[in-house]
Amino acid sequence: MDKFTDPHTGVFYNKLGITDAEELEQATKDASLRRLQELAAGYGPQGDTFDAPRLRAVHQHLFQDTFEWAGQTRREAGFQGVKAADLPGTTAVPMHFAPFERIDERLNVLGEQLKLENNLKGLPTAEAFAERAAYYFDHYNHVHAFREGNGRTLQATFAEIAYQAGYQVDFNREHTQLNPARDQGIVSLHGAGHREKDLQALRDLFARNTTPLPGPEAEAARHPSQARLLTEGPTPAVRQIEQLRELVAATPALQQLVAGVDYRRPQRADALLSQVLDIDRNPQAGVARHGAGLRELLQEVVQDTRFQDPESKREAARFEAALSVLHPQQIKTVAATPAVSSTNPPPAVTAAFVHAAKALVDGLEEQGYPGPADSLLRAAKAVEKSAYLGGANLQAVVEALTRAEKIPALAEEAAALRGVGRSLQEVQRSVAPAKPGQENEGPER
């Protein structure tokens, strides 16, 4: 039951006594826009911590005129819900948001990691800010903390994050593009190894609508000395969130395959989703309850002769990989799924990284930066030999990217290296056991 909605009118409970949905939507929009202006002027929640209390306070400020439940998350009413993604050219793809039981926990985890990055200060270009802002916006949006008003709450929150980092971000010119961009990140059509593709639209939207603020304070906030790099990648808590998101995102395609295994028992596909969502709510207990059953069901799919086409194999392998990452000690690799025969990433991934690195080396040399170019070239040769990106080699890559992102002529080369570097790190984490002293390294910023 939706405890935010009046069952007699089908309209959100509201302070205004409105019983017509369109009228309430307009009244809410008018009131919240006034409150947005207050937040932009500095009246409202303050501070540099963007956790559950902060987002609750922003929501309460925005919707205090309309809803008695302003500031309450879906958790207060035990509301989960599911909606179709707003993605032109695709069939209705379901979006599953964070479990309502975990809303505050996940907001706090994201706020903690954001603070480790100094709330995105020290990013010298709008493009650099847009890249990290899109990453966090996607995560906060996936939590989808509130029954209504998530978009406005996040826009207000990220306007403040941008301001503190020396930028102004304003989606008013392209507000119709925001929903499709953020929905693509949640649906994750391309999978964990290709998150860059799923976040591209959101990242581009941020880049087009972000401008540097004038003045010495803003310039100081953007200065690279303020940057705090996540040289070891996401925190363990955020990494688990990302793994759970991938498992949930991989489930709809597997549901279709399960339904095809035995059309007389469609309840098995429904049960598959329920089990995965149970794991999302409580990974440890959920895995203990459902891990073995999910493995057996997956075995049926991959051994079914009707599902030997490349797309079916790919979807089954994606689900198996997501499940295995969450609990490698309990879920064994399915025999029919291509196994990784080496602890190194596939040669193509390493080769792509080396190619992108050498392209940036050439660009840095042409622009008159032989020092960063030489360090990056040595790092590229080391990665080419060992197929491992970490330690001093990773630092050389980060330093070269920091320099290159200040040079408009090297924007494409820098973006290419950053993207393939992340891909290499993701593959390393998924196929190789961590080397002593090298756990969880990644070129996240």
Protein backbone atom coordinates (compact mmCIF):
# COMPACT_ATOMS: atom_id res chain seq x y z
CA MET A 1 0.00 0.00 0.00
CA ASP A 2 1.21 3.51 -0.86
CA LYS A 3 0.85 5.38 2.43
CA PHE A 4 1.70 8.68 0.76
CA THR A 5 -1.43 8.54 -1.42
CA ASP A 6 -5.08 9.02 -0.52
CA PRO A 7 -6.78 5.77 -1.61
CA HIS A 8 -10.06 7.59 -2.29
CA THR A 9 -8.68 10.24 -4.66
CA GLY A 10 -5.46 8.64 -5.86
CA VAL A 11 -3.72 11.95 -5.07
CA PHE A 12 -0.83 12.51 -2.67
CA TYR A 13 -1.88 13.55 0.82
CA ASN A 14 -1.26 17.29 0.92
CA LYS A 15 -1.66 20.35 3.12
CA LEU A 16 -3.74 22.20 0.56
CA GLY A 17 -6.70 19.82 0.48
CA ILE A 18 -6.32 19.39 -3.28
CA THR A 19 -7.95 16.28 -4.73
CA ASP A 20 -7.04 16.75 -8.40
CA ALA A 21 -3.67 15.37 -9.45
CA GLU A 22 -2.91 18.02 -12.10
CA GLU A 23 -3.88 20.86 -9.79
CA LEU A 24 -1.67 19.47 -7.03
CA GLU A 25 1.24 19.02 -9.43
CA GLN A 26 1.05 22.67 -10.48
CA ALA A 27 0.70 23.93 -6.91
CA THR A 28 3.67 21.81 -5.83
CA LYS A 29 5.74 23.07 -8.75
CA ASP A 30 4.99 26.72 -7.98
CA ALA A 31 5.78 26.39 -4.27
CA SER A 32 8.93 24.33 -4.76
CA LEU A 33 10.33 26.76 -7.33
CA ARG A 34 10.10 29.55 -4.79
CA ARG A 35 11.90 27.37 -2.26
CA LEU A 36 14.54 26.45 -4.86
CA GLN A 37 15.30 30.14 -5.22
CA GLU A 38 15.74 30.39 -1.46
CA LEU A 39 18.20 27.51 -1.47
CA ALA A 40 20.11 29.11 -4.34
CA ALA A 41 20.36 32.31 -2.31
CA GLY A 42 21.83 30.46 0.65
CA TYR A 43 18.69 30.15 2.78
CA GLY A 44 18.14 26.59 3.91
CA PRO A 45 20.26 23.60 4.93
CA GLN A 46 23.94 24.47 5.23
CA GLY A 47 27.23 22.60 5.57
CA ASP A 48 29.55 20.40 3.54
CA THR A 49 28.04 17.01 4.38
CA PHE A 50 25.66 15.49 1.85
CA ASP A 51 24.25 12.52 3.73
CA ALA A 52 20.77 11.32 4.69
CA PRO A 53 20.02 14.18 7.14
CA ARG A 54 21.11 16.72 4.54
CA LEU A 55 18.93 15.37 1.74
CA ARG A 56 15.99 15.01 4.10
CA ALA A 57 16.44 18.67 5.08
CA VAL A 58 16.59 19.78 1.43
CA HIS A 59 13.42 17.85 0.62
CA GLN A 60 11.67 19.28 3.67
CA HIS A 61 12.60 22.81 2.66
CA LEU A 62 11.44 22.36 -0.93
CA PHE A 63 8.07 20.77 -0.16
CA GLN A 64 7.18 22.20 3.25
CA ASP A 65 4.31 24.20 1.74
CA THR A 66 2.65 21.22 0.11
CA PHE A 67 3.28 17.95 1.92
CA GLU A 68 3.08 17.13 5.62
CA TRP A 69 5.45 14.29 4.83
CA ALA A 70 8.12 16.61 3.39
CA GLY A 71 11.50 15.36 4.54
CA GLN A 72 10.30 11.78 4.98
CA THR A 73 11.85 9.10 2.80
CA ARG A 74 10.19 6.04 1.33
CA ARG A 75 11.38 4.18 4.40
CA GLU A 76 8.88 5.89 6.69
CA ALA A 77 6.01 4.44 4.67
CA GLY A 78 7.70 1.21 3.63
CA PHE A 79 7.27 2.16 -0.03
CA GLN A 80 9.31 0.37 -2.69
CA GLY A 81 7.61 0.74 -6.03
CA VAL A 82 8.97 0.29 -9.54
CA LYS A 83 8.64 2.44 -12.66
CA ALA A 84 9.47 2.18 -16.33
CA ALA A 85 12.55 3.97 -17.60
CA ASP A 86 12.09 7.05 -19.77
CA LEU A 87 14.32 5.85 -22.60
CA PRO A 88 13.22 6.71 -26.17
CA GLY A 89 13.54 3.85 -28.60
CA THR A 90 13.34 1.08 -26.01
CA THR A 91 10.54 -1.05 -24.66
CA ALA A 92 9.38 -0.50 -21.08
CA VAL A 93 12.45 -1.33 -18.99
CA PRO A 94 11.76 -1.56 -15.24
CA MET A 95 13.80 0.55 -12.85
CA HIS A 96 14.36 -0.84 -9.36
CA PHE A 97 15.58 1.71 -6.85
CA ALA A 98 17.43 1.07 -3.62
CA PRO A 99 15.52 -0.97 -0.99
CA PHE A 100 13.60 1.42 1.23
CA GLU A 101 15.14 -0.26 4.28
CA ARG A 102 18.61 0.85 3.10
CA ILE A 103 17.91 4.45 2.06
CA ASP A 104 19.58 6.27 4.96
CA GLU A 105 22.46 3.81 5.03
CA ARG A 106 23.23 4.29 1.34
CA LEU A 107 22.88 8.07 1.45
CA ASN A 108 25.33 8.17 4.35
CA VAL A 109 27.79 5.90 2.55
CA LEU A 110 27.68 8.11 -0.55
CA GLY A 111 28.10 11.24 1.56
CA GLU A 112 31.15 9.75 3.24
CA GLN A 113 32.82 8.89 -0.06
CA LEU A 114 31.95 12.29 -1.52
CA LYS A 115 33.65 13.94 1.44
CA LEU A 116 36.74 11.80 0.82
CA GLU A 117 36.85 13.48 -2.61
CA ASN A 118 36.63 16.86 -0.86
CA ASN A 119 33.12 17.30 -2.29
CA LEU A 120 34.60 17.49 -5.81
CA LYS A 121 36.78 20.53 -5.15
CA GLY A 122 40.03 20.82 -7.05
CA LEU A 123 38.60 19.85 -10.45
CA PRO A 124 39.99 22.53 -12.77
CA THR A 125 37.58 22.19 -15.70
CA ALA A 126 33.84 21.93 -16.10
CA GLU A 127 34.34 18.62 -17.89
CA ALA A 128 36.34 17.18 -15.00
CA PHE A 129 33.66 18.30 -12.54
CA ALA A 130 30.90 16.93 -14.78
CA GLU A 131 32.49 13.49 -14.86
CA ARG A 132 32.50 13.03 -11.10
CA ALA A 133 29.24 14.91 -10.53
CA ALA A 134 27.45 12.57 -12.96
CA TYR A 135 28.87 9.54 -11.13
CA TYR A 136 27.48 10.74 -7.78
CA PHE A 137 24.22 12.05 -9.21
CA ASP A 138 23.58 8.59 -10.65
CA HIS A 139 24.20 6.95 -7.28
CA TYR A 140 22.03 9.39 -5.32
CA ASN A 141 19.31 9.07 -7.94
CA HIS A 142 19.39 5.29 -7.68
CA VAL A 143 18.71 5.57 -3.94
CA HIS A 144 15.62 7.59 -4.96
CA ALA A 145 14.99 8.46 -1.35
CA PHE A 146 11.60 10.14 -1.65
CA ARG A 147 8.16 9.21 -2.88
CA GLU A 148 7.97 12.46 -4.85
CA GLY A 149 10.40 15.27 -5.57
CA ASN A 150 13.63 13.34 -6.08
CA GLY A 151 14.60 15.30 -9.18
CA ARG A 152 14.22 18.72 -7.57
CA THR A 153 15.95 17.56 -4.40
CA LEU A 154 18.96 16.32 -6.34
CA GLN A 155 19.10 19.40 -8.55
CA ALA A 156 19.19 21.62 -5.45
CA THR A 157 21.77 19.37 -3.79
CA PHE A 158 24.10 19.27 -6.77
CA ALA A 159 23.73 22.99 -7.37
CA GLU A 160 25.17 23.42 -3.87
CA ILE A 161 27.92 20.83 -4.43
CA ALA A 162 28.85 22.67 -7.63
CA TYR A 163 28.84 26.03 -5.87
CA GLN A 164 31.18 24.80 -3.16
CA ALA A 165 33.46 23.37 -5.88
CA GLY A 166 33.58 26.70 -7.75
CA TYR A 167 30.98 26.00 -10.42
CA GLN A 168 27.40 26.78 -11.35
CA VAL A 169 25.22 24.00 -12.70
CA ASP A 170 21.76 24.75 -14.09
CA PHE A 171 19.59 22.24 -15.94
CA ASN A 172 16.78 24.69 -16.71
CA ARG A 173 17.76 24.94 -20.38
CA GLU A 174 17.64 21.17 -20.84
CA HIS A 175 15.34 19.96 -18.09
CA THR A 176 13.53 17.61 -20.50
CA GLN A 177 16.80 15.76 -21.10
CA LEU A 178 17.47 15.03 -17.44
CA ASN A 179 15.03 12.15 -16.94
CA PRO A 180 16.24 10.04 -19.91
CA ALA A 181 19.88 10.68 -18.95
CA ARG A 182 19.48 9.65 -15.34
CA ASP A 183 17.21 6.68 -16.20
CA GLN A 184 19.85 5.27 -18.52
CA GLY A 185 22.28 5.18 -15.62
CA ILE A 186 19.86 3.18 -13.47
CA VAL A 187 18.84 0.68 -16.14
CA SER A 188 22.51 0.02 -16.98
CA LEU A 189 21.91 -1.54 -20.36
CA HIS A 190 25.64 -1.97 -21.04
CA GLY A 191 26.64 -3.67 -17.79
CA ALA A 192 29.23 -3.09 -15.09
CA GLY A 193 32.17 -3.21 -17.47
CA HIS A 194 30.76 -0.39 -19.59
CA ARG A 195 29.37 2.10 -17.08
CA GLU A 196 30.98 4.90 -19.09
CA LYS A 197 28.40 4.31 -21.85
CA ASP A 198 25.45 4.32 -19.47
CA LEU A 199 26.60 7.55 -17.80
CA GLN A 200 27.63 9.31 -21.01
CA ALA A 201 24.33 11.18 -21.49
CA LEU A 202 24.27 12.35 -17.87
CA ARG A 203 27.92 13.36 -17.99
CA ASP A 204 27.38 15.33 -21.21
CA LEU A 205 24.34 17.02 -19.69
CA PHE A 206 26.38 18.14 -16.70
CA ALA A 207 29.23 19.32 -18.94
CA ARG A 208 26.95 21.43 -21.14
CA ASN A 209 25.26 23.07 -18.16
CA THR A 210 28.23 23.63 -15.85
CA THR A 211 30.18 26.89 -15.89
CA PRO A 212 33.04 28.15 -13.69
CA LEU A 213 32.04 30.78 -11.16
CA PRO A 214 34.02 34.04 -11.09
CA GLY A 215 35.99 35.34 -8.14
CA PRO A 216 38.96 34.31 -6.01
CA GLU A 217 36.99 31.94 -3.74
CA ALA A 218 35.68 29.95 -6.70
CA GLU A 219 39.11 29.89 -8.30
CA ALA A 220 40.60 28.61 -5.05
CA ALA A 221 37.94 25.87 -4.85
CA ARG A 222 38.83 24.73 -8.37
CA HIS A 223 42.59 24.75 -7.79
CA PRO A 224 44.10 21.24 -8.21
CA SER A 225 45.64 21.49 -4.74
CA GLN A 226 42.11 20.98 -3.39
CA ALA A 227 41.64 17.67 -5.22
CA ARG A 228 41.46 14.45 -3.22
CA LEU A 229 41.81 11.42 -5.47
CA LEU A 230 40.19 8.08 -4.71
CA THR A 231 43.32 6.25 -5.77
CA GLU A 232 41.96 2.97 -4.45
CA GLY A 233 38.64 3.34 -6.23
CA PRO A 234 35.26 3.43 -4.50
CA THR A 235 35.10 2.66 -0.80
CA PRO A 236 34.21 -0.95 0.06
CA ALA A 237 30.67 0.12 1.00
CA VAL A 238 30.09 1.96 -2.27
CA ARG A 239 31.64 -0.88 -4.25
CA GLN A 240 29.15 -3.29 -2.72
CA ILE A 241 26.32 -0.96 -3.71
CA GLU A 242 27.63 -0.98 -7.28
CA GLN A 243 27.81 -4.77 -7.28
CA LEU A 244 24.26 -5.06 -6.00
CA ARG A 245 23.06 -2.58 -8.60
CA GLU A 246 24.65 -4.67 -11.34
CA LEU A 247 22.96 -7.85 -10.09
CA VAL A 248 19.54 -6.18 -10.07
CA ALA A 249 20.12 -4.59 -13.48
CA ALA A 250 21.12 -7.96 -14.97
CA THR A 251 17.98 -9.70 -13.69
CA PRO A 252 15.24 -8.65 -16.21
CA ALA A 253 17.08 -10.20 -19.16
CA LEU A 254 17.66 -13.42 -17.24
CA GLN A 255 13.99 -13.47 -16.26
CA GLN A 256 13.07 -13.68 -19.93
CA LEU A 257 15.41 -16.62 -20.41
CA VAL A 258 14.05 -18.39 -17.33
CA ALA A 259 10.50 -17.89 -18.59
CA GLY A 260 11.54 -19.52 -21.85
CA VAL A 261 13.04 -22.57 -20.17
CA ASP A 262 9.63 -23.73 -19.02
CA TYR A 263 6.72 -21.51 -20.08
CA ARG A 264 4.35 -23.65 -17.97
CA ARG A 265 5.98 -22.35 -14.79
CA PRO A 266 6.18 -18.56 -15.23
CA GLN A 267 6.27 -18.14 -11.46
CA ARG A 268 9.93 -19.15 -11.52
CA ALA A 269 10.84 -15.93 -13.35
CA ASP A 270 8.90 -13.91 -10.79
CA ALA A 271 10.61 -15.78 -7.97
CA LEU A 272 14.00 -14.99 -9.53
CA LEU A 273 13.37 -11.26 -9.23
CA SER A 274 12.07 -11.60 -5.68
CA GLN A 275 15.18 -13.50 -4.64
CA VAL A 276 17.52 -10.94 -6.20
CA LEU A 277 15.68 -8.07 -4.51
CA ASP A 278 15.96 -9.95 -1.23
CA ILE A 279 19.72 -10.10 -1.74
CA ASP A 280 19.70 -6.37 -2.47
CA ARG A 281 17.96 -5.72 0.85
CA ASN A 282 20.28 -7.94 2.88
CA PRO A 283 23.24 -9.30 0.90
CA GLN A 284 24.62 -11.70 3.49
CA ALA A 285 21.34 -13.30 4.51
CA GLY A 286 19.96 -13.14 0.97
CA VAL A 287 22.92 -14.98 -0.48
CA ALA A 288 22.64 -17.66 2.18
CA ARG A 289 18.96 -18.16 1.34
CA HIS A 290 19.03 -17.96 -2.44
CA GLY A 291 22.59 -18.46 -3.70
CA ALA A 292 22.42 -22.19 -4.40
CA GLY A 293 18.98 -21.97 -6.01
CA LEU A 294 20.02 -19.14 -8.30
CA ARG A 295 23.09 -21.09 -9.36
CA GLU A 296 20.95 -24.12 -10.28
CA LEU A 297 18.48 -21.96 -12.19
CA LEU A 298 21.30 -20.32 -14.10
CA GLN A 299 22.72 -23.75 -14.90
CA GLU A 300 19.40 -24.68 -16.52
CA VAL A 301 19.48 -21.59 -18.69
CA VAL A 302 23.04 -21.94 -19.96
CA GLN A 303 22.58 -25.63 -20.76
CA ASP A 304 19.30 -25.12 -22.63
CA THR A 305 19.95 -25.65 -26.36
CA ARG A 306 17.52 -22.86 -27.25
CA PHE A 307 19.70 -20.24 -25.58
CA GLN A 308 23.05 -20.76 -27.25
CA ASP A 309 22.89 -17.56 -29.31
CA PRO A 310 25.47 -14.87 -28.45
CA GLU A 311 22.98 -12.49 -26.83
CA SER A 312 21.51 -15.12 -24.50
CA LYS A 313 24.97 -16.32 -23.52
CA ARG A 314 26.03 -12.75 -22.86
CA GLU A 315 23.05 -12.03 -20.60
CA ALA A 316 23.50 -15.27 -18.66
CA ALA A 317 27.21 -14.58 -18.25
CA ARG A 318 26.46 -11.05 -17.04
CA PHE A 319 24.13 -12.32 -14.33
CA GLU A 320 26.57 -15.04 -13.29
CA ALA A 321 29.42 -12.55 -13.05
CA ALA A 322 27.35 -10.16 -10.92
CA LEU A 323 26.35 -12.97 -8.60
CA SER A 324 29.88 -14.33 -8.32
CA VAL A 325 31.38 -10.97 -7.39
CA LEU A 326 29.00 -10.71 -4.45
CA HIS A 327 29.89 -14.10 -3.01
CA PRO A 328 32.74 -15.89 -4.81
CA GLN A 329 33.05 -18.37 -1.97
CA GLN A 330 29.52 -19.69 -2.52
CA ILE A 331 28.82 -19.37 -6.25
CA LYS A 332 31.01 -21.34 -8.63
CA THR A 333 31.47 -20.47 -12.28
CA VAL A 334 28.82 -22.13 -14.45
CA ALA A 335 30.49 -24.69 -16.66
CA ALA A 336 28.77 -23.51 -19.84
CA THR A 337 29.89 -19.92 -19.25
CA PRO A 338 33.27 -19.06 -20.79
CA ALA A 339 35.78 -19.19 -17.98
CA VAL A 340 38.61 -16.78 -17.42
CA SER A 341 41.76 -18.80 -17.85
CA SER A 342 44.16 -16.19 -16.56
CA THR A 343 44.39 -13.87 -13.61
CA ASN A 344 45.24 -11.07 -16.07
CA PRO A 345 42.70 -8.92 -17.96
CA PRO A 346 41.98 -9.91 -21.57
CA PRO A 347 44.77 -8.73 -23.89
CA ALA A 348 42.38 -6.46 -25.83
CA VAL A 349 41.64 -4.38 -22.73
CA THR A 350 45.32 -3.96 -21.92
CA ALA A 351 46.11 -3.12 -25.54
CA ALA A 352 43.38 -0.48 -25.62
CA PHE A 353 44.79 1.13 -22.50
CA VAL A 354 48.33 1.17 -23.89
CA HIS A 355 47.11 2.64 -27.19
CA ALA A 356 45.17 5.43 -25.41
CA ALA A 357 48.13 6.16 -23.12
CA LYS A 358 50.58 6.48 -26.01
CA ALA A 359 48.17 8.79 -27.85
CA LEU A 360 48.11 11.07 -24.82
CA VAL A 361 51.90 10.84 -24.53
CA ASP A 362 52.19 12.23 -28.07
CA GLY A 363 49.73 15.00 -27.26
CA LEU A 364 51.53 16.02 -24.08
CA GLU A 365 54.85 16.17 -25.90
CA GLU A 366 53.36 18.33 -28.64
CA GLN A 367 51.96 20.69 -26.01
CA GLY A 368 55.34 21.05 -24.34
CA TYR A 369 54.97 18.77 -21.29
CA PRO A 370 57.78 16.19 -21.68
CA GLY A 371 57.87 15.31 -17.95
CA PRO A 372 54.29 13.99 -17.61
CA ALA A 373 54.62 12.45 -21.08
CA ASP A 374 57.72 10.50 -20.12
CA SER A 375 56.17 9.24 -16.85
CA LEU A 376 53.02 8.17 -18.67
CA LEU A 377 55.01 6.36 -21.35
CA ARG A 378 56.92 4.40 -18.72
CA ALA A 379 53.64 3.52 -17.01
CA ALA A 380 52.12 2.38 -20.31
CA LYS A 381 55.10 0.10 -21.01
CA ALA A 382 54.86 -1.37 -17.51
CA VAL A 383 51.13 -2.04 -17.93
CA GLU A 384 51.77 -3.57 -21.34
CA LYS A 385 54.22 -5.99 -19.73
CA SER A 386 52.35 -6.83 -16.51
CA ALA A 387 48.70 -6.14 -17.48
CA TYR A 388 48.33 -4.45 -14.10
CA LEU A 389 47.47 -0.80 -13.42
CA GLY A 390 48.26 0.31 -9.90
CA GLY A 391 50.79 1.83 -7.53
CA ALA A 392 53.29 4.23 -9.10
CA ASN A 393 51.97 3.49 -12.59
CA LEU A 394 48.48 4.56 -11.56
CA GLN A 395 49.85 7.73 -10.01
CA ALA A 396 51.65 8.57 -13.26
CA VAL A 397 48.39 8.14 -15.17
CA VAL A 398 46.49 10.33 -12.72
CA GLU A 399 49.12 13.07 -12.91
CA ALA A 400 49.14 12.99 -16.72
CA LEU A 401 45.34 13.21 -16.82
CA THR A 402 45.34 16.10 -14.36
CA ARG A 403 47.69 17.98 -16.67
CA ALA A 404 45.95 17.01 -19.91
CA GLU A 405 42.47 17.98 -18.70
CA LYS A 406 43.64 21.58 -18.43
CA ILE A 407 44.45 21.60 -22.16
CA PRO A 408 41.38 21.79 -24.45
CA ALA A 409 43.33 20.29 -27.37
CA LEU A 410 43.88 17.09 -25.37
CA ALA A 411 40.30 16.66 -24.14
CA GLU A 412 39.53 13.68 -26.39
CA GLU A 413 42.77 11.87 -25.62
CA ALA A 414 42.33 12.42 -21.88
CA ALA A 415 38.72 11.21 -21.93
CA ALA A 416 39.71 8.11 -23.90
CA LEU A 417 42.49 7.20 -21.48
CA ARG A 418 40.30 7.79 -18.44
CA GLY A 419 37.55 5.60 -19.87
CA VAL A 420 39.76 2.67 -20.86
CA GLY A 421 41.69 3.01 -17.60
CA ARG A 422 38.49 2.52 -15.65
CA SER A 423 37.59 -0.45 -17.84
CA LEU A 424 40.98 -2.01 -17.16
CA GLN A 425 40.53 -1.51 -13.42
CA GLU A 426 37.03 -3.02 -13.48
CA VAL A 427 38.31 -6.08 -15.34
CA GLN A 428 41.22 -6.41 -12.93
CA ARG A 429 38.85 -6.43 -9.98
CA SER A 430 36.55 -8.98 -11.61
CA VAL A 431 39.10 -11.50 -12.90
CA ALA A 432 42.17 -11.23 -10.72
CA PRO A 433 42.82 -11.86 -7.05
CA ALA A 434 44.26 -8.75 -5.41
CA LYS A 435 48.01 -8.63 -5.10
CA PRO A 436 49.37 -8.08 -1.62
CA GLY A 437 49.35 -4.39 -0.82
CA GLN A 438 47.46 -3.56 -4.05
CA GLU A 439 43.84 -4.14 -3.04
CA ASN A 440 41.05 -2.07 -4.54
CA GLU A 441 43.15 0.27 -6.63
CA GLY A 442 41.41 2.27 -9.34
CA PRO A 443 41.69 5.56 -11.25
CA GLU A 444 38.57 7.05 -9.68
CA ARG A 445 38.59 10.76 -8.93
